[in-house]
């Protein structure tokens, strides 16, 4: 049993599997789209407002974990990182 007031967060690990963490993730992602971005991404916010995105939303502790799990940067909130990813993956 967890102490009163403690909370855990479900994050994805480098193997793409969920695990419980005492700390929230620093990046959000979309499992089906295999992309990650900032938690304040305007594109993700629009998708969440439309309703279908939340079901496939995932969170990562950091960028290295997201990349290791096979996710790519968001073109909207991480345009420079997306451009480098795209150039390397053409």
PDB file of N, CA and C in Angstrom:
ATOM      1  N   UNK A   1       0.836  -1.182   0.000  1.00  0.00           N
ATOM      2  CA  UNK A   1       0.000   0.000   0.000  1.00  0.00           C
ATOM      3  C   UNK A   1       0.880   1.244   0.000  1.00  0.00           C
ATOM      4  N   UNK A   2       0.538   2.214  -0.873  1.00  0.00           N
ATOM      5  CA  UNK A   2       1.317   3.451  -0.956  1.00  0.00           C
ATOM      6  C   UNK A   2       0.934   4.390   0.177  1.00  0.00           C
ATOM      7  N   UNK A   3       1.911   5.191   0.639  1.00  0.00           N
ATOM      8  CA  UNK A   3       1.590   6.186   1.659  1.00  0.00           C
ATOM      9  C   UNK A   3       0.582   7.202   1.128  1.00  0.00           C
ATOM     10  N   UNK A   4      -0.232   7.730   2.016  1.00  0.00           N
ATOM     11  CA  UNK A   4      -1.231   8.750   1.660  1.00  0.00           C
ATOM     12  C   UNK A   4      -0.549   9.903   0.936  1.00  0.00           C
ATOM     13  N   UNK A   5      -1.113  10.329  -0.182  1.00  0.00           N
ATOM     14  CA  UNK A   5      -0.581  11.476  -0.923  1.00  0.00           C
ATOM     15  C   UNK A   5       0.503  11.129  -1.922  1.00  0.00           C
ATOM     16  N   UNK A   6       1.027   9.900  -1.897  1.00  0.00           N
ATOM     17  CA  UNK A   6       2.049   9.550  -2.879  1.00  0.00           C
ATOM     18  C   UNK A   6       1.359   9.190  -4.188  1.00  0.00           C
ATOM     19  N   UNK A   7       2.067   9.410  -5.260  1.00  0.00           N
ATOM     20  CA  UNK A   7       1.490   9.134  -6.565  1.00  0.00           C
ATOM     21  C   UNK A   7       2.541   8.476  -7.436  1.00  0.00           C
ATOM     22  N   UNK A   8       2.105   7.609  -8.310  1.00  0.00           N
ATOM     23  CA  UNK A   8       3.008   7.048  -9.297  1.00  0.00           C
ATOM     24  C   UNK A   8       2.510   7.432 -10.683  1.00  0.00           C
ATOM     25  N   UNK A   9       3.426   7.429 -11.623  1.00  0.00           N
ATOM     26  CA  UNK A   9       3.134   7.802 -13.002  1.00  0.00           C
ATOM     27  C   UNK A   9       3.546   6.643 -13.894  1.00  0.00           C
ATOM     28  N   UNK A  10       2.770   6.368 -14.896  1.00  0.00           N
ATOM     29  CA  UNK A  10       3.094   5.311 -15.839  1.00  0.00           C
ATOM     30  C   UNK A  10       3.880   5.910 -16.994  1.00  0.00           C
ATOM     31  N   UNK A  11       5.116   5.454 -17.151  1.00  0.00           N
ATOM     32  CA  UNK A  11       6.000   5.904 -18.224  1.00  0.00           C
ATOM     33  C   UNK A  11       6.360   4.707 -19.092  1.00  0.00           C
ATOM     34  N   UNK A  12       6.874   4.987 -20.293  1.00  0.00           N
ATOM     35  CA  UNK A  12       7.402   3.914 -21.142  1.00  0.00           C
ATOM     36  C   UNK A  12       8.906   3.871 -20.964  1.00  0.00           C
ATOM     37  N   UNK A  13       9.440   2.656 -20.925  1.00  0.00           N
ATOM     38  CA  UNK A  13      10.878   2.473 -20.825  1.00  0.00           C
ATOM     39  C   UNK A  13      11.514   2.315 -22.191  1.00  0.00           C
ATOM     40  N   UNK A  14      12.819   2.107 -22.199  1.00  0.00           N
ATOM     41  CA  UNK A  14      13.548   1.962 -23.464  1.00  0.00           C
ATOM     42  C   UNK A  14      13.070   0.764 -24.269  1.00  0.00           C
ATOM     43  N   UNK A  15      12.471  -0.210 -23.586  1.00  0.00           N
ATOM     44  CA  UNK A  15      11.945  -1.388 -24.271  1.00  0.00           C
ATOM     45  C   UNK A  15      10.516  -1.181 -24.770  1.00  0.00           C
ATOM     46  N   UNK A  16       9.968   0.034 -24.574  1.00  0.00           N
ATOM     47  CA  UNK A  16       8.606   0.335 -25.020  1.00  0.00           C
ATOM     48  C   UNK A  16       7.529  -0.204 -24.097  1.00  0.00           C
ATOM     49  N   UNK A  17       7.929  -0.749 -22.952  1.00  0.00           N
ATOM     50  CA  UNK A  17       6.961  -1.297 -22.004  1.00  0.00           C
ATOM     51  C   UNK A  17       6.706  -0.308 -20.875  1.00  0.00           C
ATOM     52  N   UNK A  18       5.478  -0.252 -20.380  1.00  0.00           N
ATOM     53  CA  UNK A  18       5.153   0.679 -19.293  1.00  0.00           C
ATOM     54  C   UNK A  18       5.749   0.239 -17.960  1.00  0.00           C
ATOM     55  N   UNK A  19       6.072   1.238 -17.140  1.00  0.00           N
ATOM     56  CA  UNK A  19       6.529   0.993 -15.780  1.00  0.00           C
ATOM     57  C   UNK A  19       6.060   2.135 -14.900  1.00  0.00           C
ATOM     58  N   UNK A  20       5.976   1.886 -13.615  1.00  0.00           N
ATOM     59  CA  UNK A  20       5.544   2.901 -12.657  1.00  0.00           C
ATOM     60  C   UNK A  20       6.754   3.697 -12.174  1.00  0.00           C
ATOM     61  N   UNK A  21       6.601   5.013 -12.097  1.00  0.00           N
ATOM     62  CA  UNK A  21       7.669   5.904 -11.660  1.00  0.00           C
ATOM     63  C   UNK A  21       7.132   6.868 -10.598  1.00  0.00           C
ATOM     64  N   UNK A  22       7.939   7.225  -9.623  1.00  0.00           N
ATOM     65  CA  UNK A  22       7.503   8.220  -8.646  1.00  0.00           C
ATOM     66  C   UNK A  22       7.518   9.638  -9.229  1.00  0.00           C
ATOM     67  N   UNK A  23       8.165   9.806 -10.390  1.00  0.00           N
ATOM     68  CA  UNK A  23       8.257  11.119 -11.043  1.00  0.00           C
ATOM     69  C   UNK A  23       7.468  11.128 -12.345  1.00  0.00           C
ATOM     70  N   UNK A  24       6.839  12.261 -12.656  1.00  0.00           N
ATOM     71  CA  UNK A  24       6.121  12.348 -13.938  1.00  0.00           C
ATOM     72  C   UNK A  24       7.099  12.392 -15.108  1.00  0.00           C
ATOM     73  N   UNK A  25       6.614  12.077 -16.277  1.00  0.00           N
ATOM     74  CA  UNK A  25       7.438  12.150 -17.473  1.00  0.00           C
ATOM     75  C   UNK A  25       7.715  13.590 -17.873  1.00  0.00           C
ATOM     76  N   UNK A  26       8.787  13.782 -18.635  1.00  0.00           N
ATOM     77  CA  UNK A  26       9.137  15.112 -19.132  1.00  0.00           C
ATOM     78  C   UNK A  26       8.690  15.312 -20.569  1.00  0.00           C
ATOM     79  N   UNK A  27       8.322  14.211 -21.249  1.00  0.00           N
ATOM     80  CA  UNK A  27       7.869  14.265 -22.636  1.00  0.00           C
ATOM     81  C   UNK A  27       6.633  13.395 -22.790  1.00  0.00           C
ATOM     82  N   UNK A  28       5.763  13.795 -23.701  1.00  0.00           N
ATOM     83  CA  UNK A  28       4.585  13.001 -24.032  1.00  0.00           C
ATOM     84  C   UNK A  28       4.768  12.401 -25.410  1.00  0.00           C
ATOM     85  N   UNK A  29       3.970  11.418 -25.723  1.00  0.00           N
ATOM     86  CA  UNK A  29       4.065  10.795 -27.031  1.00  0.00           C
ATOM     87  C   UNK A  29       2.756  10.149 -27.424  1.00  0.00           C
ATOM     88  N   UNK A  30       2.743   9.652 -28.642  1.00  0.00           N
ATOM     89  CA  UNK A  30       1.573   8.957 -29.176  1.00  0.00           C
ATOM     90  C   UNK A  30       2.033   7.580 -29.621  1.00  0.00           C
ATOM     91  N   UNK A  31       1.501   6.565 -28.965  1.00  0.00           N
ATOM     92  CA  UNK A  31       1.950   5.189 -29.216  1.00  0.00           C
ATOM     93  C   UNK A  31       1.760   4.776 -30.675  1.00  0.00           C
ATOM     94  N   UNK A  32       0.609   5.044 -31.252  1.00  0.00           N
ATOM     95  CA  UNK A  32       0.355   4.607 -32.629  1.00  0.00           C
ATOM     96  C   UNK A  32       1.172   5.397 -33.639  1.00  0.00           C
ATOM     97  N   UNK A  33       1.364   6.685 -33.389  1.00  0.00           N
ATOM     98  CA  UNK A  33       2.148   7.509 -34.307  1.00  0.00           C
ATOM     99  C   UNK A  33       3.646   7.387 -34.100  1.00  0.00           C
ATOM    100  N   UNK A  34       4.050   6.750 -32.988  1.00  0.00           N
ATOM    101  CA  UNK A  34       5.465   6.557 -32.635  1.00  0.00           C
ATOM    102  C   UNK A  34       6.222   7.873 -32.626  1.00  0.00           C
ATOM    103  N   UNK A  35       5.604   8.922 -32.042  1.00  0.00           N
ATOM    104  CA  UNK A  35       6.277  10.204 -31.950  1.00  0.00           C
ATOM    105  C   UNK A  35       6.235  10.718 -30.521  1.00  0.00           C
ATOM    106  N   UNK A  36       7.187  11.598 -30.196  1.00  0.00           N
ATOM    107  CA  UNK A  36       7.235  12.211 -28.871  1.00  0.00           C
ATOM    108  C   UNK A  36       7.421  13.708 -29.013  1.00  0.00           C
ATOM    109  N   UNK A  37       7.031  14.446 -27.982  1.00  0.00           N
ATOM    110  CA  UNK A  37       7.184  15.891 -27.992  1.00  0.00           C
ATOM    111  C   UNK A  37       7.024  16.477 -26.606  1.00  0.00           C
ATOM    112  N   UNK A  38       7.065  17.794 -26.573  1.00  0.00           N
ATOM    113  CA  UNK A  38       6.925  18.516 -25.309  1.00  0.00           C
ATOM    114  C   UNK A  38       5.524  18.309 -24.746  1.00  0.00           C
ATOM    115  N   UNK A  39       5.400  18.422 -23.448  1.00  0.00           N
ATOM    116  CA  UNK A  39       4.098  18.268 -22.808  1.00  0.00           C
ATOM    117  C   UNK A  39       3.142  19.395 -23.172  1.00  0.00           C
ATOM    118  N   UNK A  40       3.681  20.538 -23.596  1.00  0.00           N
ATOM    119  CA  UNK A  40       2.840  21.668 -23.990  1.00  0.00           C
ATOM    120  C   UNK A  40       2.714  21.806 -25.512  1.00  0.00           C
ATOM    121  N   UNK A  41       2.912  20.732 -26.236  1.00  0.00           N
ATOM    122  CA  UNK A  41       2.854  20.755 -27.701  1.00  0.00           C
ATOM    123  C   UNK A  41       1.471  21.196 -28.184  1.00  0.00           C
ATOM    124  N   UNK A  42       1.395  22.229 -29.021  1.00  0.00           N
ATOM    125  CA  UNK A  42       0.089  22.673 -29.515  1.00  0.00           C
ATOM    126  C   UNK A  42      -0.609  21.636 -30.390  1.00  0.00           C
ATOM    127  N   UNK A  43       0.147  20.849 -31.116  1.00  0.00           N
ATOM    128  CA  UNK A  43      -0.461  19.817 -31.954  1.00  0.00           C
ATOM    129  C   UNK A  43      -1.099  18.732 -31.086  1.00  0.00           C
ATOM    130  N   UNK A  44      -0.404  18.310 -30.052  1.00  0.00           N
ATOM    131  CA  UNK A  44      -0.963  17.313 -29.134  1.00  0.00           C
ATOM    132  C   UNK A  44      -2.190  17.880 -28.423  1.00  0.00           C
ATOM    133  N   UNK A  45      -2.125  19.151 -28.027  1.00  0.00           N
ATOM    134  CA  UNK A  45      -3.271  19.774 -27.344  1.00  0.00           C
ATOM    135  C   UNK A  45      -4.507  19.776 -28.245  1.00  0.00           C
ATOM    136  N   UNK A  46      -4.317  20.073 -29.541  1.00  0.00           N
ATOM    137  CA  UNK A  46      -5.447  20.051 -30.478  1.00  0.00           C
ATOM    138  C   UNK A  46      -6.004  18.633 -30.620  1.00  0.00           C
ATOM    139  N   UNK A  47      -5.119  17.656 -30.721  1.00  0.00           N
ATOM    140  CA  UNK A  47      -5.556  16.269 -30.861  1.00  0.00           C
ATOM    141  C   UNK A  47      -6.301  15.808 -29.607  1.00  0.00           C
ATOM    142  N   UNK A  48      -5.811  16.192 -28.454  1.00  0.00           N
ATOM    143  CA  UNK A  48      -6.475  15.831 -27.196  1.00  0.00           C
ATOM    144  C   UNK A  48      -7.853  16.479 -27.135  1.00  0.00           C
ATOM    145  N   UNK A  49      -7.950  17.717 -27.565  1.00  0.00           N
ATOM    146  CA  UNK A  49      -9.244  18.421 -27.566  1.00  0.00           C
ATOM    147  C   UNK A  49     -10.256  17.730 -28.476  1.00  0.00           C
ATOM    148  N   UNK A  50      -9.782  17.104 -29.557  1.00  0.00           N
ATOM    149  CA  UNK A  50     -10.679  16.377 -30.464  1.00  0.00           C
ATOM    150  C   UNK A  50     -11.115  15.046 -29.879  1.00  0.00           C
ATOM    151  N   UNK A  51     -10.374  14.530 -28.887  1.00  0.00           N
ATOM    152  CA  UNK A  51     -10.811  13.357 -28.157  1.00  0.00           C
ATOM    153  C   UNK A  51     -10.157  12.031 -28.467  1.00  0.00           C
ATOM    154  N   UNK A  52      -9.618  11.818 -29.621  1.00  0.00           N
ATOM    155  CA  UNK A  52      -9.115  10.496 -29.958  1.00  0.00           C
ATOM    156  C   UNK A  52      -7.697  10.200 -29.525  1.00  0.00           C
ATOM    157  N   UNK A  53      -6.945  11.165 -29.161  1.00  0.00           N
ATOM    158  CA  UNK A  53      -5.516  11.035 -28.900  1.00  0.00           C
ATOM    159  C   UNK A  53      -5.198  10.427 -27.535  1.00  0.00           C
ATOM    160  N   UNK A  54      -5.999  10.749 -26.552  1.00  0.00           N
ATOM    161  CA  UNK A  54      -5.704  10.398 -25.158  1.00  0.00           C
ATOM    162  C   UNK A  54      -5.512   8.898 -24.970  1.00  0.00           C
ATOM    163  N   UNK A  55      -6.273   8.121 -25.654  1.00  0.00           N
ATOM    164  CA  UNK A  55      -6.207   6.664 -25.526  1.00  0.00           C
ATOM    165  C   UNK A  55      -4.824   6.093 -25.850  1.00  0.00           C
ATOM    166  N   UNK A  56      -4.082   6.773 -26.710  1.00  0.00           N
ATOM    167  CA  UNK A  56      -2.777   6.285 -27.152  1.00  0.00           C
ATOM    168  C   UNK A  56      -1.627   7.134 -26.625  1.00  0.00           C
ATOM    169  N   UNK A  57      -1.927   7.987 -25.653  1.00  0.00           N
ATOM    170  CA  UNK A  57      -0.921   8.889 -25.081  1.00  0.00           C
ATOM    171  C   UNK A  57       0.006   8.104 -24.173  1.00  0.00           C
ATOM    172  N   UNK A  58       1.305   8.369 -24.290  1.00  0.00           N
ATOM    173  CA  UNK A  58       2.320   7.760 -23.443  1.00  0.00           C
ATOM    174  C   UNK A  58       3.251   8.862 -22.946  1.00  0.00           C
ATOM    175  N   UNK A  59       4.048   8.530 -21.947  1.00  0.00           N
ATOM    176  CA  UNK A  59       4.966   9.512 -21.367  1.00  0.00           C
ATOM    177  C   UNK A  59       6.339   8.888 -21.189  1.00  0.00           C
ATOM    178  N   UNK A  60       7.357   9.733 -21.291  1.00  0.00           N
ATOM    179  CA  UNK A  60       8.750   9.305 -21.178  1.00  0.00           C
ATOM    180  C   UNK A  60       9.474  10.121 -20.131  1.00  0.00           C
ATOM    181  N   UNK A  61      10.432   9.487 -19.469  1.00  0.00           N
ATOM    182  CA  UNK A  61      11.249  10.179 -18.482  1.00  0.00           C
ATOM    183  C   UNK A  61      12.138  11.217 -19.160  1.00  0.00           C
ATOM    184  N   UNK A  62      12.635  10.896 -20.362  1.00  0.00           N
ATOM    185  CA  UNK A  62      13.549  11.806 -21.063  1.00  0.00           C
ATOM    186  C   UNK A  62      13.597  11.452 -22.552  1.00  0.00           C
ATOM    187  N   UNK A  63      14.290  12.272 -23.290  1.00  0.00           N
ATOM    188  CA  UNK A  63      14.370  12.087 -24.735  1.00  0.00           C
ATOM    189  C   UNK A  63      15.119  10.817 -25.131  1.00  0.00           C
ATOM    190  N   UNK A  64      16.192  10.512 -24.420  1.00  0.00           N
ATOM    191  CA  UNK A  64      16.961   9.310 -24.742  1.00  0.00           C
ATOM    192  C   UNK A  64      16.087   8.054 -24.649  1.00  0.00           C
ATOM    193  N   UNK A  65      15.210   8.011 -23.672  1.00  0.00           N
ATOM    194  CA  UNK A  65      14.312   6.871 -23.516  1.00  0.00           C
ATOM    195  C   UNK A  65      13.323   6.801 -24.670  1.00  0.00           C
ATOM    196  N   UNK A  66      12.768   7.947 -25.060  1.00  0.00           N
ATOM    197  CA  UNK A  66      11.812   7.980 -26.168  1.00  0.00           C
ATOM    198  C   UNK A  66      12.462   7.482 -27.459  1.00  0.00           C
ATOM    199  N   UNK A  67      13.659   7.953 -27.732  1.00  0.00           N
ATOM    200  CA  UNK A  67      14.379   7.541 -28.943  1.00  0.00           C
ATOM    201  C   UNK A  67      14.705   6.047 -28.886  1.00  0.00           C
ATOM    202  N   UNK A  68      15.194   5.578 -27.733  1.00  0.00           N
ATOM    203  CA  UNK A  68      15.534   4.159 -27.588  1.00  0.00           C
ATOM    204  C   UNK A  68      14.311   3.265 -27.764  1.00  0.00           C
ATOM    205  N   UNK A  69      13.137   3.779 -27.395  1.00  0.00           N
ATOM    206  CA  UNK A  69      11.898   3.010 -27.544  1.00  0.00           C
ATOM    207  C   UNK A  69      11.366   3.052 -28.976  1.00  0.00           C
ATOM    208  N   UNK A  70      12.053   3.782 -29.863  1.00  0.00           N
ATOM    209  CA  UNK A  70      11.672   3.797 -31.274  1.00  0.00           C
ATOM    210  C   UNK A  70      10.735   4.916 -31.680  1.00  0.00           C
ATOM    211  N   UNK A  71      10.666   5.983 -30.883  1.00  0.00           N
ATOM    212  CA  UNK A  71       9.798   7.114 -31.201  1.00  0.00           C
ATOM    213  C   UNK A  71      10.607   8.217 -31.865  1.00  0.00           C
ATOM    214  N   UNK A  72       9.946   9.013 -32.698  1.00  0.00           N
ATOM    215  CA  UNK A  72      10.602  10.119 -33.399  1.00  0.00           C
ATOM    216  C   UNK A  72      10.131  11.451 -32.824  1.00  0.00           C
ATOM    217  N   UNK A  73      10.898  12.529 -33.035  1.00  0.00           N
ATOM    218  CA  UNK A  73      10.490  13.848 -32.536  1.00  0.00           C
ATOM    219  C   UNK A  73       9.277  14.395 -33.286  1.00  0.00           C
ATOM    220  N   UNK A  74       8.489  15.200 -32.601  1.00  0.00           N
ATOM    221  CA  UNK A  74       7.330  15.871 -33.194  1.00  0.00           C
ATOM    222  C   UNK A  74       7.801  16.998 -34.109  1.00  0.00           C
ATOM    223  N   UNK A  75       7.213  17.090 -35.276  1.00  0.00           N
ATOM    224  CA  UNK A  75       7.572  18.139 -36.235  1.00  0.00           C
ATOM    225  C   UNK A  75       7.074  19.513 -35.794  1.00  0.00           C
ATOM    226  N   UNK A  76       6.060  19.561 -34.940  1.00  0.00           N
ATOM    227  CA  UNK A  76       5.471  20.837 -34.530  1.00  0.00           C
ATOM    228  C   UNK A  76       6.241  21.459 -33.372  1.00  0.00           C
ATOM    229  N   UNK A  77       6.426  20.720 -32.279  1.00  0.00           N
ATOM    230  CA  UNK A  77       7.045  21.325 -31.095  1.00  0.00           C
ATOM    231  C   UNK A  77       8.555  21.108 -31.016  1.00  0.00           C
ATOM    232  N   UNK A  78       9.090  20.222 -31.832  1.00  0.00           N
ATOM    233  CA  UNK A  78      10.542  19.976 -31.870  1.00  0.00           C
ATOM    234  C   UNK A  78      11.032  20.016 -33.318  1.00  0.00           C
ATOM    235  N   UNK A  79      10.811  21.120 -34.027  1.00  0.00           N
ATOM    236  CA  UNK A  79      11.097  21.146 -35.468  1.00  0.00           C
ATOM    237  C   UNK A  79      12.564  20.900 -35.835  1.00  0.00           C
ATOM    238  N   UNK A  80      13.504  21.408 -35.044  1.00  0.00           N
ATOM    239  CA  UNK A  80      14.919  21.189 -35.369  1.00  0.00           C
ATOM    240  C   UNK A  80      15.292  19.720 -35.202  1.00  0.00           C
ATOM    241  N   UNK A  81      14.828  19.117 -34.122  1.00  0.00           N
ATOM    242  CA  UNK A  81      15.115  17.698 -33.894  1.00  0.00           C
ATOM    243  C   UNK A  81      14.418  16.831 -34.940  1.00  0.00           C
ATOM    244  N   UNK A  82      13.198  17.222 -35.311  1.00  0.00           N
ATOM    245  CA  UNK A  82      12.484  16.483 -36.355  1.00  0.00           C
ATOM    246  C   UNK A  82      13.248  16.574 -37.680  1.00  0.00           C
ATOM    247  N   UNK A  83      13.740  17.764 -38.031  1.00  0.00           N
ATOM    248  CA  UNK A  83      14.473  17.937 -39.292  1.00  0.00           C
ATOM    249  C   UNK A  83      15.726  17.062 -39.316  1.00  0.00           C
ATOM    250  N   UNK A  84      16.450  16.997 -38.196  1.00  0.00           N
ATOM    251  CA  UNK A  84      17.631  16.128 -38.128  1.00  0.00           C
ATOM    252  C   UNK A  84      17.227  14.653 -38.241  1.00  0.00           C
ATOM    253  N   UNK A  85      16.146  14.276 -37.554  1.00  0.00           N
ATOM    254  CA  UNK A  85      15.669  12.894 -37.631  1.00  0.00           C
ATOM    255  C   UNK A  85      15.288  12.544 -39.065  1.00  0.00           C
ATOM    256  N   UNK A  86      14.544  13.445 -39.706  1.00  0.00           N
ATOM    257  CA  UNK A  86      14.082  13.197 -41.075  1.00  0.00           C
ATOM    258  C   UNK A  86      15.242  13.059 -42.046  1.00  0.00           C
ATOM    259  N   UNK A  87      16.229  13.954 -41.918  1.00  0.00           N
ATOM    260  CA  UNK A  87      17.400  13.877 -42.808  1.00  0.00           C
ATOM    261  C   UNK A  87      18.157  12.562 -42.612  1.00  0.00           C
ATOM    262  N   UNK A  88      18.192  12.076 -41.411  1.00  0.00           N
ATOM    263  CA  UNK A  88      18.914  10.827 -41.122  1.00  0.00           C
ATOM    264  C   UNK A  88      18.100   9.584 -41.504  1.00  0.00           C
ATOM    265  N   UNK A  89      16.798   9.755 -41.724  1.00  0.00           N
ATOM    266  CA  UNK A  89      15.931   8.598 -41.980  1.00  0.00           C
ATOM    267  C   UNK A  89      15.248   8.630 -43.333  1.00  0.00           C
ATOM    268  N   UNK A  90      15.801   9.328 -44.278  1.00  0.00           N
ATOM    269  CA  UNK A  90      15.217   9.345 -45.626  1.00  0.00           C
ATOM    270  C   UNK A  90      15.567   8.108 -46.395  1.00  0.00           C
TER     271      UNK A  90
END
